Each structure stands twice: as structure tokens, then as C-alpha cells.
């Protein structure tokens, strides 16, 4: 299966959220919640995804080696972003990152 192949080839874990809520052959739905200042471990994006903010949020992206400064993404409630991920992503560390809740409260 194509999805299994993409996941197996990833350089880093493919758990892109804090809890897998739903999965079928078409999609995976993750909850992603971090306490203020909490850091998420490095994970690898190997599938297209949409990130929907259900409340105001700010995510500070970390490089796979833990260095900060990869990105700073802040959205209001109902904000979203869409990302197309190429088939070559599992072998490319550019599609892997960690993150930190950018708010302290």
C-alpha cells in the first residue's frame, strides 16, 4: 500500500499529533495540543495535511536536531493551513520538525 510505504520510509516518527482520533484508508485525524511552552518531539510529514486551529494558537517550529527558528505560525480561532507533501518527503528531513507552543499562558 502506498501510504504504508511512505510511512515506513520516513526518517523520523510519523505521529504528527498528540492523539490519533480517527483513521481510514482516506485520512487520518489527529488532535494536536500543547500546554503553554510545551515542546512536541520531531515528527515527519509524509502525507498532505491540513492544520485547523480550533482556538487562537502559535506554533514555533524546531529543526529536527532541536534548533529553534524553523517557522513561527500564529492563527486565530478557525485559522488553517494546507500543505502538499511530495512523494519524496520520507527521505527529506525538510519535511520533519518539532514544535513548541509559542504562548506562555
N, C-alpha and C. Protein backbone atom coordinates (compact mmCIF):
# COMPACT_ATOMS: atom_id res chain seq x y z
N UNK A 1 0.85 -1.18 0.00
CA UNK A 1 0.00 0.00 0.00
C UNK A 1 0.90 1.25 0.00
N UNK A 2 0.52 2.24 -0.76
CA UNK A 2 1.33 3.45 -0.93
C UNK A 2 1.54 4.21 0.39
N UNK A 3 0.50 4.34 1.17
CA UNK A 3 0.61 5.07 2.44
C UNK A 3 1.56 4.34 3.39
N UNK A 4 1.44 3.02 3.48
CA UNK A 4 2.35 2.25 4.35
C UNK A 4 3.79 2.42 3.91
N UNK A 5 4.03 2.47 2.60
CA UNK A 5 5.39 2.67 2.09
C UNK A 5 5.93 4.03 2.49
N UNK A 6 5.12 5.07 2.35
CA UNK A 6 5.56 6.42 2.73
C UNK A 6 5.90 6.47 4.22
N UNK A 7 5.05 5.87 5.04
CA UNK A 7 5.27 5.88 6.48
C UNK A 7 6.54 5.10 6.85
N UNK A 8 6.74 3.97 6.22
CA UNK A 8 7.89 3.12 6.53
C UNK A 8 9.21 3.77 6.14
N UNK A 9 9.20 4.62 5.11
CA UNK A 9 10.43 5.25 4.63
C UNK A 9 10.81 6.52 5.40
N UNK A 10 9.96 7.00 6.27
CA UNK A 10 10.20 8.25 6.99
C UNK A 10 11.45 8.15 7.87
N UNK A 11 12.20 9.23 7.93
CA UNK A 11 13.41 9.30 8.75
C UNK A 11 13.11 9.49 10.23
N UNK A 12 11.93 10.04 10.53
CA UNK A 12 11.52 10.34 11.90
C UNK A 12 10.13 9.77 12.12
N UNK A 13 9.66 9.69 13.36
CA UNK A 13 8.30 9.18 13.62
C UNK A 13 7.25 9.98 12.84
N UNK A 14 6.19 9.32 12.43
CA UNK A 14 5.14 9.97 11.65
C UNK A 14 3.91 10.33 12.49
N UNK A 15 4.01 10.23 13.80
CA UNK A 15 2.91 10.66 14.67
C UNK A 15 2.94 12.18 14.72
N UNK A 16 2.07 12.81 13.94
CA UNK A 16 2.14 14.26 13.76
C UNK A 16 1.26 15.02 14.75
N UNK A 17 0.61 14.34 15.65
CA UNK A 17 -0.23 14.99 16.64
C UNK A 17 -0.02 14.35 18.01
N UNK A 18 -0.84 14.78 18.96
CA UNK A 18 -0.73 14.22 20.30
C UNK A 18 -1.65 13.02 20.50
N UNK A 19 -2.71 12.90 19.69
CA UNK A 19 -3.61 11.75 19.78
C UNK A 19 -4.26 11.49 18.43
N UNK A 20 -4.16 10.26 17.95
CA UNK A 20 -4.82 9.87 16.71
C UNK A 20 -6.29 9.62 17.03
N UNK A 21 -7.18 10.45 16.45
CA UNK A 21 -8.60 10.37 16.75
C UNK A 21 -9.36 9.45 15.80
N UNK A 22 -8.92 9.39 14.53
CA UNK A 22 -9.65 8.63 13.52
C UNK A 22 -8.69 8.30 12.39
N UNK A 23 -8.89 7.13 11.79
CA UNK A 23 -8.08 6.74 10.65
C UNK A 23 -8.88 5.79 9.77
N UNK A 24 -8.83 6.04 8.46
CA UNK A 24 -9.35 5.08 7.49
C UNK A 24 -8.44 5.14 6.27
N UNK A 25 -8.83 4.53 5.18
CA UNK A 25 -7.94 4.50 4.01
C UNK A 25 -7.82 5.84 3.31
N UNK A 26 -8.64 6.82 3.68
CA UNK A 26 -8.62 8.14 3.05
C UNK A 26 -7.94 9.22 3.88
N UNK A 27 -8.02 9.10 5.20
CA UNK A 27 -7.47 10.18 6.02
C UNK A 27 -7.13 9.70 7.42
N UNK A 28 -6.33 10.50 8.09
CA UNK A 28 -6.01 10.33 9.50
C UNK A 28 -6.33 11.67 10.17
N UNK A 29 -6.99 11.62 11.31
CA UNK A 29 -7.35 12.84 12.04
C UNK A 29 -6.63 12.81 13.39
N UNK A 30 -5.82 13.82 13.61
CA UNK A 30 -5.04 13.93 14.85
C UNK A 30 -5.52 15.12 15.67
N UNK A 31 -5.48 14.97 16.97
CA UNK A 31 -5.57 16.10 17.88
C UNK A 31 -4.13 16.54 18.11
N UNK A 32 -3.92 17.83 18.19
CA UNK A 32 -2.59 18.36 18.46
C UNK A 32 -2.73 19.44 19.51
N UNK A 33 -2.32 19.12 20.73
CA UNK A 33 -2.47 20.06 21.84
C UNK A 33 -1.17 20.12 22.62
N UNK A 34 -0.71 21.33 22.86
CA UNK A 34 0.47 21.55 23.68
C UNK A 34 0.14 22.57 24.76
N UNK A 35 0.56 22.29 25.97
CA UNK A 35 0.44 23.27 27.06
C UNK A 35 1.34 24.46 26.73
N UNK A 36 1.07 25.64 27.32
CA UNK A 36 1.96 26.79 27.08
C UNK A 36 3.42 26.43 27.32
N UNK A 37 4.26 26.71 26.34
CA UNK A 37 5.68 26.44 26.43
C UNK A 37 6.09 25.00 26.17
N UNK A 38 5.11 24.08 26.08
CA UNK A 38 5.42 22.66 25.87
C UNK A 38 6.00 22.44 24.47
N UNK A 39 6.96 21.51 24.38
CA UNK A 39 7.62 21.19 23.11
C UNK A 39 7.14 19.83 22.62
N UNK A 40 6.81 19.76 21.33
CA UNK A 40 6.44 18.48 20.69
C UNK A 40 7.70 17.88 20.07
N UNK A 41 7.85 16.56 20.15
CA UNK A 41 9.03 15.93 19.55
C UNK A 41 9.02 16.02 18.03
N UNK A 42 10.18 15.78 17.44
CA UNK A 42 10.31 15.79 15.99
C UNK A 42 9.41 14.72 15.38
N UNK A 43 8.71 15.10 14.34
CA UNK A 43 7.87 14.17 13.59
C UNK A 43 8.04 14.47 12.10
N UNK A 44 7.66 13.54 11.27
CA UNK A 44 7.90 13.63 9.83
C UNK A 44 6.57 13.64 9.09
N UNK A 45 6.37 14.67 8.27
CA UNK A 45 5.18 14.75 7.42
C UNK A 45 5.46 14.02 6.12
N UNK A 46 4.68 12.98 5.84
CA UNK A 46 4.85 12.23 4.60
C UNK A 46 3.56 12.20 3.78
N UNK A 47 2.49 12.80 4.30
CA UNK A 47 1.20 12.87 3.62
C UNK A 47 0.73 14.32 3.60
N UNK A 48 -0.06 14.68 2.59
CA UNK A 48 -0.69 16.01 2.57
C UNK A 48 -1.45 16.20 3.88
N UNK A 49 -1.55 17.45 4.32
CA UNK A 49 -2.30 17.68 5.56
C UNK A 49 -2.90 19.07 5.60
N UNK A 50 -3.92 19.20 6.43
CA UNK A 50 -4.50 20.49 6.77
C UNK A 50 -4.42 20.60 8.29
N UNK A 51 -4.07 21.79 8.76
CA UNK A 51 -3.94 22.07 10.19
C UNK A 51 -4.99 23.12 10.51
N UNK A 52 -5.95 22.78 11.36
CA UNK A 52 -7.06 23.68 11.70
C UNK A 52 -6.92 24.11 13.16
N UNK A 53 -6.91 25.40 13.38
CA UNK A 53 -6.84 25.93 14.74
C UNK A 53 -8.26 26.06 15.28
N UNK A 54 -8.58 25.33 16.35
CA UNK A 54 -9.90 25.43 16.95
C UNK A 54 -9.93 26.50 18.04
N UNK A 55 -8.79 27.10 18.30
CA UNK A 55 -8.67 28.27 19.16
C UNK A 55 -7.41 29.02 18.73
N UNK A 56 -7.27 30.23 19.21
CA UNK A 56 -6.08 31.00 18.88
C UNK A 56 -4.84 30.20 19.26
N UNK A 57 -3.84 30.18 18.38
CA UNK A 57 -2.65 29.40 18.67
C UNK A 57 -1.42 29.93 17.96
N UNK A 58 -0.29 29.54 18.47
CA UNK A 58 1.00 29.91 17.88
C UNK A 58 1.94 28.72 18.02
N UNK A 59 2.47 28.26 16.90
CA UNK A 59 3.38 27.13 16.90
C UNK A 59 4.74 27.60 16.41
N UNK A 60 5.76 27.38 17.21
CA UNK A 60 7.14 27.72 16.86
C UNK A 60 7.82 26.44 16.38
N UNK A 61 8.23 26.41 15.12
CA UNK A 61 8.82 25.21 14.56
C UNK A 61 10.29 25.06 14.90
N UNK A 62 10.67 23.82 15.24
CA UNK A 62 12.05 23.48 15.55
C UNK A 62 12.60 22.56 14.46
N UNK A 63 13.86 22.73 14.12
CA UNK A 63 14.53 21.84 13.18
C UNK A 63 14.61 20.44 13.79
N UNK A 64 14.77 19.40 12.96
CA UNK A 64 14.84 18.03 13.51
C UNK A 64 15.92 17.83 14.58
N UNK A 65 16.99 18.64 14.53
CA UNK A 65 18.05 18.50 15.54
C UNK A 65 17.75 19.29 16.82
N UNK A 66 16.56 19.91 16.90
CA UNK A 66 16.16 20.63 18.10
C UNK A 66 16.42 22.12 18.10
N UNK A 67 17.10 22.63 17.05
CA UNK A 67 17.35 24.07 16.98
C UNK A 67 16.05 24.81 16.68
N UNK A 68 15.76 25.91 17.38
CA UNK A 68 14.56 26.70 17.09
C UNK A 68 14.75 27.52 15.82
N UNK A 69 13.67 28.18 15.40
CA UNK A 69 13.77 29.13 14.30
C UNK A 69 13.33 28.63 12.94
N UNK A 70 12.72 27.45 12.86
CA UNK A 70 12.29 26.93 11.56
C UNK A 70 11.09 27.70 11.02
N UNK A 71 10.09 27.95 11.87
CA UNK A 71 8.94 28.77 11.47
C UNK A 71 8.24 29.30 12.72
N UNK A 72 7.41 30.31 12.51
CA UNK A 72 6.59 30.90 13.56
C UNK A 72 5.22 31.10 12.95
N UNK A 73 4.27 30.25 13.32
CA UNK A 73 2.94 30.26 12.72
C UNK A 73 1.90 30.57 13.78
N UNK A 74 1.24 31.71 13.65
CA UNK A 74 0.18 32.10 14.58
C UNK A 74 -1.12 32.27 13.81
N UNK A 75 -2.19 31.73 14.37
CA UNK A 75 -3.50 31.81 13.73
C UNK A 75 -4.56 32.12 14.78
N UNK A 76 -5.63 32.73 14.33
CA UNK A 76 -6.79 32.97 15.18
C UNK A 76 -7.67 31.72 15.18
N UNK A 77 -8.68 31.70 16.02
CA UNK A 77 -9.65 30.62 16.03
C UNK A 77 -10.19 30.40 14.62
N UNK A 78 -10.30 29.18 14.19
CA UNK A 78 -10.75 28.77 12.85
C UNK A 78 -9.74 29.06 11.76
N UNK A 79 -8.54 29.46 12.11
CA UNK A 79 -7.48 29.60 11.12
C UNK A 79 -7.05 28.23 10.63
N UNK A 80 -6.43 28.17 9.47
CA UNK A 80 -5.99 26.88 8.95
C UNK A 80 -4.82 27.06 8.01
N UNK A 81 -4.16 25.97 7.71
CA UNK A 81 -3.12 25.95 6.68
C UNK A 81 -3.19 24.60 5.99
N UNK A 82 -2.90 24.58 4.72
CA UNK A 82 -2.89 23.36 3.90
C UNK A 82 -1.47 23.14 3.42
N UNK A 83 -1.00 21.91 3.44
CA UNK A 83 0.34 21.61 2.95
C UNK A 83 0.30 20.40 2.02
N UNK A 84 0.83 20.59 0.84
CA UNK A 84 1.01 19.48 -0.10
C UNK A 84 2.38 18.88 0.18
N UNK A 85 2.43 17.59 0.36
CA UNK A 85 3.68 16.90 0.68
C UNK A 85 4.04 15.99 -0.49
N UNK A 86 5.21 16.16 -1.09
CA UNK A 86 5.59 15.34 -2.25
C UNK A 86 5.93 13.90 -1.85
N UNK A 87 5.89 13.01 -2.82
CA UNK A 87 6.20 11.60 -2.56
C UNK A 87 7.64 11.39 -2.10
N UNK A 88 8.51 12.36 -2.35
CA UNK A 88 9.91 12.25 -1.93
C UNK A 88 10.13 12.67 -0.47
N UNK A 89 9.09 13.12 0.20
CA UNK A 89 9.21 13.65 1.57
C UNK A 89 9.81 12.67 2.58
N UNK A 90 9.50 11.36 2.53
CA UNK A 90 10.05 10.47 3.56
C UNK A 90 11.58 10.47 3.64
N UNK A 91 12.24 10.72 2.54
CA UNK A 91 13.70 10.73 2.53
C UNK A 91 14.28 12.13 2.76
N UNK A 92 13.43 13.13 2.93
CA UNK A 92 13.86 14.52 3.00
C UNK A 92 13.59 15.10 4.40
N UNK A 93 14.64 15.39 5.17
CA UNK A 93 14.42 15.93 6.52
C UNK A 93 13.79 17.32 6.53
N UNK A 94 13.67 17.96 5.37
CA UNK A 94 12.99 19.26 5.31
C UNK A 94 11.51 19.15 5.68
N UNK A 95 10.97 17.93 5.63
CA UNK A 95 9.56 17.72 5.97
C UNK A 95 9.39 17.18 7.39
N UNK A 96 10.44 17.29 8.18
CA UNK A 96 10.38 16.86 9.59
C UNK A 96 10.65 18.07 10.48
N UNK A 97 9.96 18.13 11.58
CA UNK A 97 10.20 19.22 12.53
C UNK A 97 9.56 18.89 13.87
N UNK A 98 9.99 19.60 14.87
CA UNK A 98 9.36 19.60 16.18
C UNK A 98 8.66 20.94 16.33
N UNK A 99 8.04 21.17 17.44
CA UNK A 99 7.36 22.44 17.64
C UNK A 99 7.20 22.76 19.10
N UNK A 100 6.89 24.01 19.35
CA UNK A 100 6.67 24.48 20.72
C UNK A 100 5.46 25.40 20.72
N UNK A 101 4.62 25.26 21.74
CA UNK A 101 3.53 26.22 21.91
C UNK A 101 4.17 27.57 22.16
N UNK A 102 3.89 28.53 21.29
CA UNK A 102 4.52 29.84 21.36
C UNK A 102 3.94 30.78 22.39
N UNK A 103 2.93 30.34 23.11
CA UNK A 103 2.35 31.18 24.16
C UNK A 103 2.81 30.69 25.53
N UNK A 104 2.99 31.62 26.43
CA UNK A 104 3.41 31.28 27.79
C UNK A 104 2.25 31.21 28.76
N UNK A 105 1.04 31.52 28.28
CA UNK A 105 -0.13 31.43 29.16
C UNK A 105 -1.31 30.89 28.44
